Amino acid sequence: MNYKIRKILEGEVSLLQDFLYEAIFVPEGMPTPPKSIINQPEL
């Protein structure tokens, strides 16, 4: 596969944030974290 790495466009930032939030593993039966968790530096 060929990949192209480029700078993110301003209109894509919110989409990337949504992807990051959806990628968080939440064990079954546990509450989902608030969306603000993606602003944590360690994440």
Protein backbone atom coordinates (compact mmCIF):
# COMPACT_ATOMS: atom_id res chain seq x y z
CA MET A 1 0.00 0.00 0.00
CA ASN A 2 1.07 3.55 -0.64
CA TYR A 3 0.49 6.12 2.06
CA LYS A 4 0.76 9.87 1.94
CA ILE A 5 1.37 11.74 5.18
CA ARG A 6 0.23 15.34 5.15
CA LYS A 7 -0.71 18.08 7.56
CA ILE A 8 -4.23 17.85 8.91
CA LEU A 9 -6.70 20.32 7.48
CA GLU A 10 -8.61 22.59 9.84
CA GLY A 11 -11.93 20.95 8.96
CA GLU A 12 -10.54 17.49 9.82
CA VAL A 13 -9.59 18.17 13.44
CA SER A 14 -13.01 17.32 14.87
CA LEU A 15 -13.10 14.08 12.86
CA LEU A 16 -9.70 13.07 14.24
CA GLN A 17 -10.95 13.82 17.77
CA ASP A 18 -13.97 11.58 17.16
CA PHE A 19 -11.70 8.77 15.93
CA LEU A 20 -9.45 9.14 18.97
CA TYR A 21 -12.41 8.94 21.35
CA GLU A 22 -13.86 5.89 19.58
CA ALA A 23 -10.47 4.13 19.82
CA ILE A 24 -10.52 4.17 23.65
CA PHE A 25 -11.00 0.65 25.01
CA VAL A 26 -13.87 0.48 27.49
CA PRO A 27 -14.35 -2.92 29.15
CA GLU A 28 -17.86 -4.34 29.02
CA GLY A 29 -20.00 -3.10 31.88
CA MET A 30 -17.83 -0.04 32.53
CA PRO A 31 -19.15 3.48 31.93
CA THR A 32 -17.80 5.33 28.92
CA PRO A 33 -15.44 8.18 29.76
CA PRO A 34 -16.42 11.78 29.02
CA LYS A 35 -15.35 13.06 25.60
CA SER A 36 -13.06 15.55 27.36
CA ILE A 37 -10.72 12.63 28.12
CA ILE A 38 -9.09 13.07 24.70
CA ASN A 39 -7.62 16.35 25.94
CA GLN A 40 -5.48 14.52 28.52
CA PRO A 41 -1.78 14.85 27.57
CA GLU A 42 -1.04 11.21 28.38
CA LEU A 43 -3.62 10.09 25.84
